[in-house]
C-alpha atoms as a PDB file:
ATOM      1  CA  UNK A   1     -51.617  18.018 -34.660  1.00  0.00           C
ATOM      2  CA  UNK A   2     -52.162  14.435 -35.656  1.00  0.00           C
ATOM      3  CA  UNK A   3     -48.428  13.817 -36.001  1.00  0.00           C
ATOM      4  CA  UNK A   4     -47.746  15.098 -32.471  1.00  0.00           C
ATOM      5  CA  UNK A   5     -50.400  12.775 -31.005  1.00  0.00           C
ATOM      6  CA  UNK A   6     -48.922   9.829 -32.864  1.00  0.00           C
ATOM      7  CA  UNK A   7     -45.411  10.588 -31.547  1.00  0.00           C
ATOM      8  CA  UNK A   8     -46.780  10.907 -28.013  1.00  0.00           C
ATOM      9  CA  UNK A   9     -48.488   7.505 -28.235  1.00  0.00           C
ATOM     10  CA  UNK A  10     -45.264   5.865 -29.509  1.00  0.00           C
ATOM     11  CA  UNK A  11     -43.318   7.433 -26.662  1.00  0.00           C
ATOM     12  CA  UNK A  12     -45.798   6.150 -24.049  1.00  0.00           C
ATOM     13  CA  UNK A  13     -45.671   2.677 -25.605  1.00  0.00           C
ATOM     14  CA  UNK A  14     -41.874   2.601 -25.394  1.00  0.00           C
ATOM     15  CA  UNK A  15     -41.976   3.760 -21.760  1.00  0.00           C
ATOM     16  CA  UNK A  16     -44.526   1.093 -20.840  1.00  0.00           C
ATOM     17  CA  UNK A  17     -42.479  -1.633 -22.562  1.00  0.00           C
ATOM     18  CA  UNK A  18     -39.317  -0.486 -20.806  1.00  0.00           C
ATOM     19  CA  UNK A  19     -41.103  -0.423 -17.459  1.00  0.00           C
ATOM     20  CA  UNK A  20     -42.435  -3.942 -18.029  1.00  0.00           C
ATOM     21  CA  UNK A  21     -38.929  -5.203 -18.938  1.00  0.00           C
ATOM     22  CA  UNK A  22     -37.459  -3.686 -15.746  1.00  0.00           C
ATOM     23  CA  UNK A  23     -40.243  -5.288 -13.674  1.00  0.00           C
ATOM     24  CA  UNK A  24     -39.607  -8.735 -15.115  1.00  0.00           C
ATOM     25  CA  UNK A  25     -35.841  -8.391 -14.701  1.00  0.00           C
ATOM     26  CA  UNK A  26     -36.201  -7.392 -11.046  1.00  0.00           C
ATOM     27  CA  UNK A  27     -38.707 -10.156 -10.329  1.00  0.00           C
ATOM     28  CA  UNK A  28     -36.752 -12.967 -12.044  1.00  0.00           C
ATOM     29  CA  UNK A  29     -34.707 -13.952  -8.938  1.00  0.00           C
ATOM     30  CA  UNK A  30     -37.943 -14.197  -6.966  1.00  0.00           C
ATOM     31  CA  UNK A  31     -39.476 -16.476  -9.609  1.00  0.00           C
ATOM     32  CA  UNK A  32     -36.352 -18.638  -9.534  1.00  0.00           C
ATOM     33  CA  UNK A  33     -36.602 -18.901  -5.759  1.00  0.00           C
ATOM     34  CA  UNK A  34     -40.247 -19.892  -5.948  1.00  0.00           C
ATOM     35  CA  UNK A  35     -39.507 -22.514  -8.612  1.00  0.00           C
ATOM     36  CA  UNK A  36     -36.745 -24.092  -6.547  1.00  0.00           C
ATOM     37  CA  UNK A  37     -38.798 -24.025  -3.374  1.00  0.00           C
ATOM     38  CA  UNK A  38     -41.719 -26.021  -4.838  1.00  0.00           C
ATOM     39  CA  UNK A  39     -39.540 -28.815  -6.271  1.00  0.00           C
ATOM     40  CA  UNK A  40     -40.062 -32.191  -4.529  1.00  0.00           C
ATOM     41  CA  UNK A  41     -37.320 -33.436  -2.233  1.00  0.00           C
ATOM     42  CA  UNK A  42     -34.575 -35.508  -3.780  1.00  0.00           C
ATOM     43  CA  UNK A  43     -35.407 -39.194  -3.340  1.00  0.00           C
ATOM     44  CA  UNK A  44     -33.140 -41.419  -1.338  1.00  0.00           C
ATOM     45  CA  UNK A  45     -30.977 -43.683  -3.473  1.00  0.00           C
ATOM     46  CA  UNK A  46     -29.147 -46.782  -2.377  1.00  0.00           C
ATOM     47  CA  UNK A  47     -25.440 -46.223  -1.930  1.00  0.00           C
ATOM     48  CA  UNK A  48     -23.355 -48.999  -3.464  1.00  0.00           C
ATOM     49  CA  UNK A  49     -21.275 -49.892  -0.471  1.00  0.00           C
ATOM     50  CA  UNK A  50     -20.717 -53.051   1.490  1.00  0.00           C
ATOM     51  CA  UNK A  51     -23.236 -53.974   4.150  1.00  0.00           C
ATOM     52  CA  UNK A  52     -21.824 -53.874   7.650  1.00  0.00           C
ATOM     53  CA  UNK A  53     -22.454 -56.489  10.328  1.00  0.00           C
ATOM     54  CA  UNK A  54     -24.482 -53.926  12.269  1.00  0.00           C
ATOM     55  CA  UNK A  55     -26.750 -53.325   9.271  1.00  0.00           C
ATOM     56  CA  UNK A  56     -27.208 -57.066   8.775  1.00  0.00           C
ATOM     57  CA  UNK A  57     -28.153 -57.452  12.427  1.00  0.00           C
ATOM     58  CA  UNK A  58     -30.668 -54.593  12.224  1.00  0.00           C
ATOM     59  CA  UNK A  59     -32.131 -56.059   9.033  1.00  0.00           C
ATOM     60  CA  UNK A  60     -32.601 -59.537  10.535  1.00  0.00           C
ATOM     61  CA  UNK A  61     -34.157 -58.279  13.761  1.00  0.00           C
ATOM     62  CA  UNK A  62     -36.463 -55.818  11.996  1.00  0.00           C
ATOM     63  CA  UNK A  63     -37.714 -58.411   9.543  1.00  0.00           C
ATOM     64  CA  UNK A  64     -38.185 -61.009  12.287  1.00  0.00           C
ATOM     65  CA  UNK A  65     -40.336 -58.523  14.236  1.00  0.00           C
ATOM     66  CA  UNK A  66     -42.679 -58.166  11.246  1.00  0.00           C
ATOM     67  CA  UNK A  67     -41.696 -54.664  10.098  1.00  0.00           C
ATOM     68  CA  UNK A  68     -42.467 -53.730   6.512  1.00  0.00           C
ATOM     69  CA  UNK A  69     -39.688 -53.140   4.018  1.00  0.00           C
ATOM     70  CA  UNK A  70     -40.500 -49.418   3.898  1.00  0.00           C
ATOM     71  CA  UNK A  71     -40.070 -49.037   7.662  1.00  0.00           C
ATOM     72  CA  UNK A  72     -36.876 -51.071   7.594  1.00  0.00           C
ATOM     73  CA  UNK A  73     -35.440 -48.827   4.866  1.00  0.00           C
ATOM     74  CA  UNK A  74     -36.215 -45.749   6.946  1.00  0.00           C
ATOM     75  CA  UNK A  75     -34.272 -47.182   9.875  1.00  0.00           C
ATOM     76  CA  UNK A  76     -31.230 -47.791   7.652  1.00  0.00           C
ATOM     77  CA  UNK A  77     -29.741 -44.610   6.164  1.00  0.00           C
ATOM     78  CA  UNK A  78     -28.865 -44.692   2.466  1.00  0.00           C
ATOM     79  CA  UNK A  79     -30.757 -48.001   1.941  1.00  0.00           C
ATOM     80  CA  UNK A  80     -33.919 -48.372  -0.139  1.00  0.00           C
ATOM     81  CA  UNK A  81     -36.652 -50.979   0.231  1.00  0.00           C
ATOM     82  CA  UNK A  82     -35.399 -52.843  -2.845  1.00  0.00           C
ATOM     83  CA  UNK A  83     -31.860 -52.917  -1.446  1.00  0.00           C
ATOM     84  CA  UNK A  84     -33.138 -54.315   1.858  1.00  0.00           C
ATOM     85  CA  UNK A  85     -35.136 -57.035   0.082  1.00  0.00           C
ATOM     86  CA  UNK A  86     -32.151 -58.047  -2.041  1.00  0.00           C
ATOM     87  CA  UNK A  87     -29.799 -58.124   0.935  1.00  0.00           C
ATOM     88  CA  UNK A  88     -32.230 -60.142   3.059  1.00  0.00           C
ATOM     89  CA  UNK A  89     -32.534 -62.714   0.266  1.00  0.00           C
ATOM     90  CA  UNK A  90     -28.771 -63.137   0.200  1.00  0.00           C
ATOM     91  CA  UNK A  91     -28.770 -63.648   3.963  1.00  0.00           C
ATOM     92  CA  UNK A  92     -31.412 -66.382   3.634  1.00  0.00           C
ATOM     93  CA  UNK A  93     -29.121 -69.309   4.641  1.00  0.00           C
ATOM     94  CA  UNK A  94     -28.364 -67.464   7.895  1.00  0.00           C
ATOM     95  CA  UNK A  95     -31.974 -66.544   8.720  1.00  0.00           C
ATOM     96  CA  UNK A  96     -33.847 -69.092  10.829  1.00  0.00           C
ATOM     97  CA  UNK A  97     -37.406 -67.928  10.138  1.00  0.00           C
ATOM     98  CA  UNK A  98     -39.069 -65.230   8.070  1.00  0.00           C
ATOM     99  CA  UNK A  99     -42.737 -64.583   8.942  1.00  0.00           C
ATOM    100  CA  UNK A 100     -43.429 -63.099   5.498  1.00  0.00           C
ATOM    101  CA  UNK A 101     -40.975 -64.705   3.077  1.00  0.00           C
ATOM    102  CA  UNK A 102     -40.281 -62.831  -0.137  1.00  0.00           C
ATOM    103  CA  UNK A 103     -40.036 -65.482  -2.858  1.00  0.00           C
ATOM    104  CA  UNK A 104     -39.121 -63.413  -5.878  1.00  0.00           C
ATOM    105  CA  UNK A 105     -37.956 -65.484  -8.847  1.00  0.00           C
ATOM    106  CA  UNK A 106     -36.095 -62.453 -10.232  1.00  0.00           C
ATOM    107  CA  UNK A 107     -33.597 -62.450  -7.353  1.00  0.00           C
ATOM    108  CA  UNK A 108     -30.255 -63.710  -8.593  1.00  0.00           C
ATOM    109  CA  UNK A 109     -28.712 -66.794  -7.019  1.00  0.00           C
ATOM    110  CA  UNK A 110     -25.430 -66.264  -5.218  1.00  0.00           C
ATOM    111  CA  UNK A 111     -22.502 -68.650  -5.169  1.00  0.00           C
ATOM    112  CA  UNK A 112     -23.068 -69.298  -1.453  1.00  0.00           C
ATOM    113  CA  UNK A 113     -26.682 -70.331  -2.127  1.00  0.00           C
ATOM    114  CA  UNK A 114     -25.635 -72.665  -4.943  1.00  0.00           C
ATOM    115  CA  UNK A 115     -22.944 -74.209  -2.762  1.00  0.00           C
ATOM    116  CA  UNK A 116     -25.415 -74.664   0.106  1.00  0.00           C
ATOM    117  CA  UNK A 117     -27.976 -76.226  -2.268  1.00  0.00           C
ATOM    118  CA  UNK A 118     -25.452 -78.813  -3.505  1.00  0.00           C
ATOM    119  CA  UNK A 119     -24.452 -79.639   0.039  1.00  0.00           C
ATOM    120  CA  UNK A 120     -28.014 -80.134   1.293  1.00  0.00           C
ATOM    121  CA  UNK A 121     -29.152 -82.116  -1.770  1.00  0.00           C
ATOM    122  CA  UNK A 122     -26.232 -84.461  -1.186  1.00  0.00           C
ATOM    123  CA  UNK A 123     -27.271 -84.762   2.476  1.00  0.00           C
ATOM    124  CA  UNK A 124     -31.087 -84.984   2.195  1.00  0.00           C
ATOM    125  CA  UNK A 125     -31.810 -85.787  -1.456  1.00  0.00           C
ATOM    126  CA  UNK A 126     -34.455 -84.127  -3.634  1.00  0.00           C
ATOM    127  CA  UNK A 127     -36.719 -83.004  -0.760  1.00  0.00           C
ATOM    128  CA  UNK A 128     -37.355 -79.569  -2.240  1.00  0.00           C
ATOM    129  CA  UNK A 129     -40.100 -78.460   0.164  1.00  0.00           C
ATOM    130  CA  UNK A 130     -38.086 -79.504   3.212  1.00  0.00           C
ATOM    131  CA  UNK A 131     -34.995 -77.705   1.915  1.00  0.00           C
ATOM    132  CA  UNK A 132     -36.966 -74.559   1.073  1.00  0.00           C
ATOM    133  CA  UNK A 133     -38.629 -74.397   4.497  1.00  0.00           C
ATOM    134  CA  UNK A 134     -35.475 -75.211   6.441  1.00  0.00           C
ATOM    135  CA  UNK A 135     -32.553 -73.626   4.588  1.00  0.00           C
ATOM    136  CA  UNK A 136     -34.017 -71.356   1.887  1.00  0.00           C
ATOM    137  CA  UNK A 137     -36.990 -69.455   3.393  1.00  0.00           C
ATOM    138  CA  UNK A 138     -36.913 -66.943   0.533  1.00  0.00           C
ATOM    139  CA  UNK A 139     -36.969 -69.588  -2.204  1.00  0.00           C
ATOM    140  CA  UNK A 140     -39.914 -71.675  -3.330  1.00  0.00           C
ATOM    141  CA  UNK A 141     -39.444 -75.442  -3.844  1.00  0.00           C
ATOM    142  CA  UNK A 142     -39.865 -74.958  -7.597  1.00  0.00           C
ATOM    143  CA  UNK A 143     -37.034 -72.397  -7.576  1.00  0.00           C
ATOM    144  CA  UNK A 144     -34.730 -74.903  -5.879  1.00  0.00           C
ATOM    145  CA  UNK A 145     -35.570 -77.581  -8.429  1.00  0.00           C
ATOM    146  CA  UNK A 146     -35.164 -75.254 -11.434  1.00  0.00           C
ATOM    147  CA  UNK A 147     -31.825 -73.943 -10.163  1.00  0.00           C
ATOM    148  CA  UNK A 148     -30.621 -77.472  -9.451  1.00  0.00           C
ATOM    149  CA  UNK A 149     -31.475 -78.712 -12.944  1.00  0.00           C
ATOM    150  CA  UNK A 150     -29.952 -75.603 -14.544  1.00  0.00           C
ATOM    151  CA  UNK A 151     -26.605 -75.129 -12.771  1.00  0.00           C
ATOM    152  CA  UNK A 152     -26.722 -76.776  -9.345  1.00  0.00           C
ATOM    153  CA  UNK A 153     -26.275 -80.405 -10.378  1.00  0.00           C
ATOM    154  CA  UNK A 154     -22.512 -81.051 -10.374  1.00  0.00           C
ATOM    155  CA  UNK A 155     -23.023 -84.099 -12.630  1.00  0.00           C
ATOM    156  CA  UNK A 156     -24.732 -82.082 -15.379  1.00  0.00           C
ATOM    157  CA  UNK A 157     -22.898 -82.267 -18.700  1.00  0.00           C
ATOM    158  CA  UNK A 158     -22.902 -80.207 -21.860  1.00  0.00           C
ATOM    159  CA  UNK A 159     -22.020 -81.122 -25.398  1.00  0.00           C
ATOM    160  CA  UNK A 160     -22.285 -84.425 -27.241  1.00  0.00           C
ATOM    161  CA  UNK A 161     -24.341 -87.196 -25.656  1.00  0.00           C
ATOM    162  CA  UNK A 162     -22.489 -90.390 -24.848  1.00  0.00           C
ATOM    163  CA  UNK A 163     -23.948 -93.774 -25.964  1.00  0.00           C
ATOM    164  CA  UNK A 164     -24.586 -94.804 -22.359  1.00  0.00           C
ATOM    165  CA  UNK A 165     -26.513 -91.558 -21.780  1.00  0.00           C
ATOM    166  CA  UNK A 166     -28.714 -92.239 -24.812  1.00  0.00           C
ATOM    167  CA  UNK A 167     -29.342 -95.766 -23.553  1.00  0.00           C
ATOM    168  CA  UNK A 168     -30.443 -94.499 -20.142  1.00  0.00           C
ATOM    169  CA  UNK A 169     -32.696 -91.936 -21.845  1.00  0.00           C
ATOM    170  CA  UNK A 170     -34.422 -94.575 -23.987  1.00  0.00           C
ATOM    171  CA  UNK A 171     -34.876 -96.882 -21.015  1.00  0.00           C
ATOM    172  CA  UNK A 172     -36.404 -94.054 -18.957  1.00  0.00           C
ATOM    173  CA  UNK A 173     -38.801 -92.903 -21.685  1.00  0.00           C
ATOM    174  CA  UNK A 174     -40.229 -96.400 -22.146  1.00  0.00           C
ATOM    175  CA  UNK A 175     -42.216 -95.835 -18.949  1.00  0.00           C
ATOM    176  CA  UNK A 176     -45.084 -93.551 -19.961  1.00  0.00           C
ATOM    177  CA  UNK A 177     -45.880 -92.596 -16.350  1.00  0.00           C
ATOM    178  CA  UNK A 178     -42.586 -90.762 -15.846  1.00  0.00           C
ATOM    179  CA  UNK A 179     -42.349 -87.000 -16.230  1.00  0.00           C
ATOM    180  CA  UNK A 180     -39.350 -85.310 -17.815  1.00  0.00           C
ATOM    181  CA  UNK A 181     -38.090 -84.380 -14.345  1.00  0.00           C
ATOM    182  CA  UNK A 182     -38.064 -88.059 -13.401  1.00  0.00           C
ATOM    183  CA  UNK A 183     -36.430 -88.951 -16.730  1.00  0.00           C
ATOM    184  CA  UNK A 184     -33.676 -86.404 -16.056  1.00  0.00           C
ATOM    185  CA  UNK A 185     -33.077 -87.885 -12.616  1.00  0.00           C
ATOM    186  CA  UNK A 186     -32.886 -91.359 -14.191  1.00  0.00           C
ATOM    187  CA  UNK A 187     -30.347 -90.155 -16.775  1.00  0.00           C
ATOM    188  CA  UNK A 188     -28.384 -88.408 -14.035  1.00  0.00           C
ATOM    189  CA  UNK A 189     -26.151 -86.233 -16.208  1.00  0.00           C
ATOM    190  CA  UNK A 190     -28.690 -84.067 -18.069  1.00  0.00           C
ATOM    191  CA  UNK A 191     -31.546 -81.783 -17.095  1.00  0.00           C
ATOM    192  CA  UNK A 192     -35.155 -82.160 -18.246  1.00  0.00           C
ATOM    193  CA  UNK A 193     -34.803 -79.692 -21.147  1.00  0.00           C
ATOM    194  CA  UNK A 194     -31.782 -81.553 -22.525  1.00  0.00           C
ATOM    195  CA  UNK A 195     -33.589 -84.875 -22.206  1.00  0.00           C
ATOM    196  CA  UNK A 196     -36.704 -83.573 -23.951  1.00  0.00           C
ATOM    197  CA  UNK A 197     -34.896 -82.173 -26.989  1.00  0.00           C
ATOM    198  CA  UNK A 198     -32.545 -85.161 -27.236  1.00  0.00           C
ATOM    199  CA  UNK A 199     -35.485 -87.556 -27.193  1.00  0.00           C
ATOM    200  CA  UNK A 200     -37.264 -85.457 -29.810  1.00  0.00           C
ATOM    201  CA  UNK A 201     -34.212 -85.497 -32.099  1.00  0.00           C
ATOM    202  CA  UNK A 202     -33.830 -89.246 -31.646  1.00  0.00           C
ATOM    203  CA  UNK A 203     -37.472 -90.016 -32.509  1.00  0.00           C
ATOM    204  CA  UNK A 204     -38.380 -87.295 -35.026  1.00  0.00           C
ATOM    205  CA  UNK A 205     -37.344 -89.487 -37.975  1.00  0.00           C
ATOM    206  CA  UNK A 206     -39.982 -92.073 -37.102  1.00  0.00           C
ATOM    207  CA  UNK A 207     -43.276 -92.304 -38.933  1.00  0.00           C
ATOM    208  CA  UNK A 208     -46.031 -89.930 -37.832  1.00  0.00           C
ATOM    209  CA  UNK A 209     -49.780 -90.320 -38.102  1.00  0.00           C
ATOM    210  CA  UNK A 210     -52.296 -93.078 -37.428  1.00  0.00           C
ATOM    211  CA  UNK A 211     -51.209 -96.707 -37.177  1.00  0.00           C
ATOM    212  CA  UNK A 212     -52.292 -98.998 -39.983  1.00  0.00           C
ATOM    213  CA  UNK A 213     -53.854-102.414 -39.475  1.00  0.00           C
ATOM    214  CA  UNK A 214     -50.607-104.091 -40.536  1.00  0.00           C
ATOM    215  CA  UNK A 215     -48.644-102.130 -37.947  1.00  0.00           C
ATOM    216  CA  UNK A 216     -51.158-102.958 -35.214  1.00  0.00           C
ATOM    217  CA  UNK A 217     -50.973-106.662 -36.083  1.00  0.00           C
ATOM    218  CA  UNK A 218     -47.168-106.516 -36.082  1.00  0.00           C
ATOM    219  CA  UNK A 219     -47.190-104.910 -32.636  1.00  0.00           C
ATOM    220  CA  UNK A 220     -49.510-107.597 -31.220  1.00  0.00           C
ATOM    221  CA  UNK A 221     -47.378-110.398 -32.695  1.00  0.00           C
ATOM    222  CA  UNK A 222     -44.154-108.848 -31.430  1.00  0.00           C
ATOM    223  CA  UNK A 223     -45.643-108.238 -27.983  1.00  0.00           C
ATOM    224  CA  UNK A 224     -46.284-111.986 -27.601  1.00  0.00           C
ATOM    225  CA  UNK A 225     -42.586-112.696 -28.229  1.00  0.00           C
ATOM    226  CA  UNK A 226     -41.131-109.667 -26.413  1.00  0.00           C
ATOM    227  CA  UNK A 227     -43.548-108.665 -23.626  1.00  0.00           C
ATOM    228  CA  UNK A 228     -43.059-104.972 -22.698  1.00  0.00           C
ATOM    229  CA  UNK A 229     -39.701-104.821 -24.520  1.00  0.00           C
ATOM    230  CA  UNK A 230     -40.720-101.858 -26.650  1.00  0.00           C
ATOM    231  CA  UNK A 231     -37.331-101.373 -28.226  1.00  0.00           C
ATOM    232  CA  UNK A 232     -37.398-104.924 -29.609  1.00  0.00           C
ATOM    233  CA  UNK A 233     -41.069-104.523 -30.585  1.00  0.00           C
ATOM    234  CA  UNK A 234     -40.309-101.340 -32.563  1.00  0.00           C
ATOM    235  CA  UNK A 235     -37.457-103.100 -34.347  1.00  0.00           C
ATOM    236  CA  UNK A 236     -39.765-106.028 -35.207  1.00  0.00           C
ATOM    237  CA  UNK A 237     -42.440-103.669 -36.571  1.00  0.00           C
ATOM    238  CA  UNK A 238     -39.889-102.006 -38.835  1.00  0.00           C
ATOM    239  CA  UNK A 239     -38.717-105.365 -40.206  1.00  0.00           C
ATOM    240  CA  UNK A 240     -42.275-106.554 -40.913  1.00  0.00           C
ATOM    241  CA  UNK A 241     -43.906-103.398 -42.274  1.00  0.00           C
ATOM    242  CA  UNK A 242     -40.922-101.323 -43.366  1.00  0.00           C
ATOM    243  CA  UNK A 243     -42.278 -98.381 -41.347  1.00  0.00           C
ATOM    244  CA  UNK A 244     -40.118 -96.971 -38.564  1.00  0.00           C
ATOM    245  CA  UNK A 245     -41.900 -96.337 -35.300  1.00  0.00           C
ATOM    246  CA  UNK A 246     -40.242 -95.301 -32.031  1.00  0.00           C
ATOM    247  CA  UNK A 247     -40.543 -97.536 -28.934  1.00  0.00           C
ATOM    248  CA  UNK A 248     -42.641 -94.851 -27.250  1.00  0.00           C
ATOM    249  CA  UNK A 249     -45.087 -94.739 -30.173  1.00  0.00           C
ATOM    250  CA  UNK A 250     -45.531 -98.522 -30.091  1.00  0.00           C
ATOM    251  CA  UNK A 251     -46.042 -98.544 -26.329  1.00  0.00           C
ATOM    252  CA  UNK A 252     -48.615 -95.731 -26.355  1.00  0.00           C
ATOM    253  CA  UNK A 253     -50.552 -97.292 -29.261  1.00  0.00           C
ATOM    254  CA  UNK A 254     -50.678-100.652 -27.473  1.00  0.00           C
ATOM    255  CA  UNK A 255     -51.770 -99.169 -24.148  1.00  0.00           C
ATOM    256  CA  UNK A 256     -54.454 -96.962 -25.710  1.00  0.00           C
ATOM    257  CA  UNK A 257     -55.888 -99.213 -28.407  1.00  0.00           C
ATOM    258  CA  UNK A 258     -54.464-102.745 -28.671  1.00  0.00           C
ATOM    259  CA  UNK A 259     -54.341-104.109 -25.139  1.00  0.00           C
ATOM    260  CA  UNK A 260     -56.931-106.972 -25.145  1.00  0.00           C
ATOM    261  CA  UNK A 261     -57.821-106.246 -21.529  1.00  0.00           C
ATOM    262  CA  UNK A 262     -59.053-102.733 -22.348  1.00  0.00           C
ATOM    263  CA  UNK A 263     -62.661-101.830 -21.734  1.00  0.00           C
ATOM    264  CA  UNK A 264     -63.549 -99.184 -24.354  1.00  0.00           C
ATOM    265  CA  UNK A 265     -67.218 -98.659 -23.541  1.00  0.00           C
ATOM    266  CA  UNK A 266     -68.772 -95.585 -21.898  1.00  0.00           C
ATOM    267  CA  UNK A 267     -67.658 -94.704 -18.402  1.00  0.00           C
ATOM    268  CA  UNK A 268     -70.115 -95.605 -15.656  1.00  0.00           C
ATOM    269  CA  UNK A 269     -71.058 -93.550 -12.600  1.00  0.00           C
ATOM    270  CA  UNK A 270     -69.466 -96.188 -10.363  1.00  0.00           C
ATOM    271  CA  UNK A 271     -66.137 -95.894 -12.202  1.00  0.00           C
ATOM    272  CA  UNK A 272     -66.224 -92.097 -11.983  1.00  0.00           C
ATOM    273  CA  UNK A 273     -66.837 -92.256  -8.221  1.00  0.00           C
ATOM    274  CA  UNK A 274     -63.919 -94.666  -7.762  1.00  0.00           C
ATOM    275  CA  UNK A 275     -61.657 -92.401  -9.829  1.00  0.00           C
ATOM    276  CA  UNK A 276     -62.612 -89.279  -7.880  1.00  0.00           C
ATOM    277  CA  UNK A 277     -62.105 -90.926  -4.483  1.00  0.00           C
ATOM    278  CA  UNK A 278     -58.840 -92.592  -5.510  1.00  0.00           C
ATOM    279  CA  UNK A 279     -57.463 -89.401  -7.064  1.00  0.00           C
ATOM    280  CA  UNK A 280     -58.224 -87.392  -3.924  1.00  0.00           C
ATOM    281  CA  UNK A 281     -56.455 -90.084  -1.877  1.00  0.00           C
ATOM    282  CA  UNK A 282     -53.492 -91.107  -4.062  1.00  0.00           C
ATOM    283  CA  UNK A 283     -53.048 -88.106  -6.337  1.00  0.00           C
ATOM    284  CA  UNK A 284     -51.944 -88.509  -9.975  1.00  0.00           C
ATOM    285  CA  UNK A 285     -50.985 -92.201  -9.674  1.00  0.00           C
ATOM    286  CA  UNK A 286     -52.978 -93.353 -12.672  1.00  0.00           C
ATOM    287  CA  UNK A 287     -51.615 -96.897 -12.813  1.00  0.00           C
ATOM    288  CA  UNK A 288     -52.693 -97.426  -9.188  1.00  0.00           C
ATOM    289  CA  UNK A 289     -56.129 -95.928  -9.847  1.00  0.00           C
ATOM    290  CA  UNK A 290     -56.627 -98.159 -12.904  1.00  0.00           C
ATOM    291  CA  UNK A 291     -56.149-101.263 -10.744  1.00  0.00           C
ATOM    292  CA  UNK A 292     -59.043-100.203  -8.481  1.00  0.00           C
ATOM    293  CA  UNK A 293     -61.611-100.138 -11.283  1.00  0.00           C
ATOM    294  CA  UNK A 294     -63.890-103.142 -11.849  1.00  0.00           C
ATOM    295  CA  UNK A 295     -63.029-103.073 -15.575  1.00  0.00           C
ATOM    296  CA  UNK A 296     -59.507-102.613 -16.901  1.00  0.00           C
ATOM    297  CA  UNK A 297     -59.134 -99.157 -18.480  1.00  0.00           C
ATOM    298  CA  UNK A 298     -55.389 -98.656 -18.446  1.00  0.00           C
ATOM    299  CA  UNK A 299     -53.370 -95.771 -17.022  1.00  0.00           C
ATOM    300  CA  UNK A 300     -53.639 -93.699 -20.204  1.00  0.00           C
ATOM    301  CA  UNK A 301     -57.436 -93.827 -20.337  1.00  0.00           C
ATOM    302  CA  UNK A 302     -57.684 -93.121 -16.602  1.00  0.00           C
ATOM    303  CA  UNK A 303     -55.454 -90.080 -17.106  1.00  0.00           C
ATOM    304  CA  UNK A 304     -57.717 -88.828 -19.888  1.00  0.00           C
ATOM    305  CA  UNK A 305     -60.817 -89.426 -17.767  1.00  0.00           C
ATOM    306  CA  UNK A 306     -59.341 -87.485 -14.830  1.00  0.00           C
ATOM    307  CA  UNK A 307     -58.683 -84.477 -17.074  1.00  0.00           C
ATOM    308  CA  UNK A 308     -62.242 -84.730 -18.428  1.00  0.00           C
ATOM    309  CA  UNK A 309     -63.693 -84.777 -14.911  1.00  0.00           C
ATOM    310  CA  UNK A 310     -61.566 -81.758 -14.046  1.00  0.00           C
ATOM    311  CA  UNK A 311     -62.976 -79.918 -17.038  1.00  0.00           C
ATOM    312  CA  UNK A 312     -66.506 -80.683 -15.797  1.00  0.00           C
ATOM    313  CA  UNK A 313     -65.640 -79.458 -12.285  1.00  0.00           C
ATOM    314  CA  UNK A 314     -66.062 -82.879 -10.641  1.00  0.00           C
ATOM    315  CA  UNK A 315     -62.424 -83.012  -9.489  1.00  0.00           C
ATOM    316  CA  UNK A 316     -61.115 -79.823  -7.899  1.00  0.00           C
ATOM    317  CA  UNK A 317     -58.017 -81.079  -6.148  1.00  0.00           C
ATOM    318  CA  UNK A 318     -55.504 -79.388  -8.469  1.00  0.00           C
ATOM    319  CA  UNK A 319     -55.528 -76.196 -10.485  1.00  0.00           C
ATOM    320  CA  UNK A 320     -53.764 -77.462 -13.594  1.00  0.00           C
ATOM    321  CA  UNK A 321     -54.078 -80.611 -15.648  1.00  0.00           C
ATOM    322  CA  UNK A 322     -51.879 -83.506 -14.661  1.00  0.00           C
ATOM    323  CA  UNK A 323     -49.312 -84.870 -17.061  1.00  0.00           C
ATOM    324  CA  UNK A 324     -48.884 -88.534 -17.665  1.00  0.00           C
END
């Protein structure tokens, strides 16, 4: 009796399993249909094909009317927002005005843009803001300058420095108020990065650290014979003390510590007011500001004082610290 009940239960179990298998097999196409139906639509991808004149015209007019990039992409079949932005940037020399310029530094420069930049720099000079507003609405002035110093300057050279280039570099770096951009323009054939590393390699063999009393005395004596000729002064210091100092080191040490006209006492409230007013009027022209003070402080000390006042929140004209 027990064996017959066991066989009957096994038979029912097999029938139920078989029925379940048939149900799943019959329902599988329906599950597949449901799975496919709930999938999101295939996104639109940009087709790599040449832009037609009609598409360029639509893109210019749509952007000039203030449409967003998403709406513009919807009006152009097979074009994404990123493709429209990239194409509009390449049409920048032909666009008169863009109400919302896209100044993306990641956009690659085209040969036409580089050629136009060389032509306009030759015509107008280094007026980066004017060139950006007039001919490159999708490029910031800093982008124009960086591209010019990198590949745009036709006079830029690579390789070994010539003696006349080194001479122009040393003459330019003797003026402590010049930035590396100005030094590169003075050299004419190298960009600011090349000038910086070349100057570093030329002066890294000189002595580092604080000046000794003998060196300071040698600088003062040499300055009386060669006023402001820092190359000759550095050579004189080396002959007297046996320590090699670069012309820039001698100049900075004289301007900061040895100049007999320097007033090294605490800054007064009157001097701070003159500095703040002059900086807001003239900008970072520290040599000009130093001439307005009742006591001679020098351009280097005025530069340091301006940065100190910025740190205290007294001067708020610029976001970053100025460089001498």
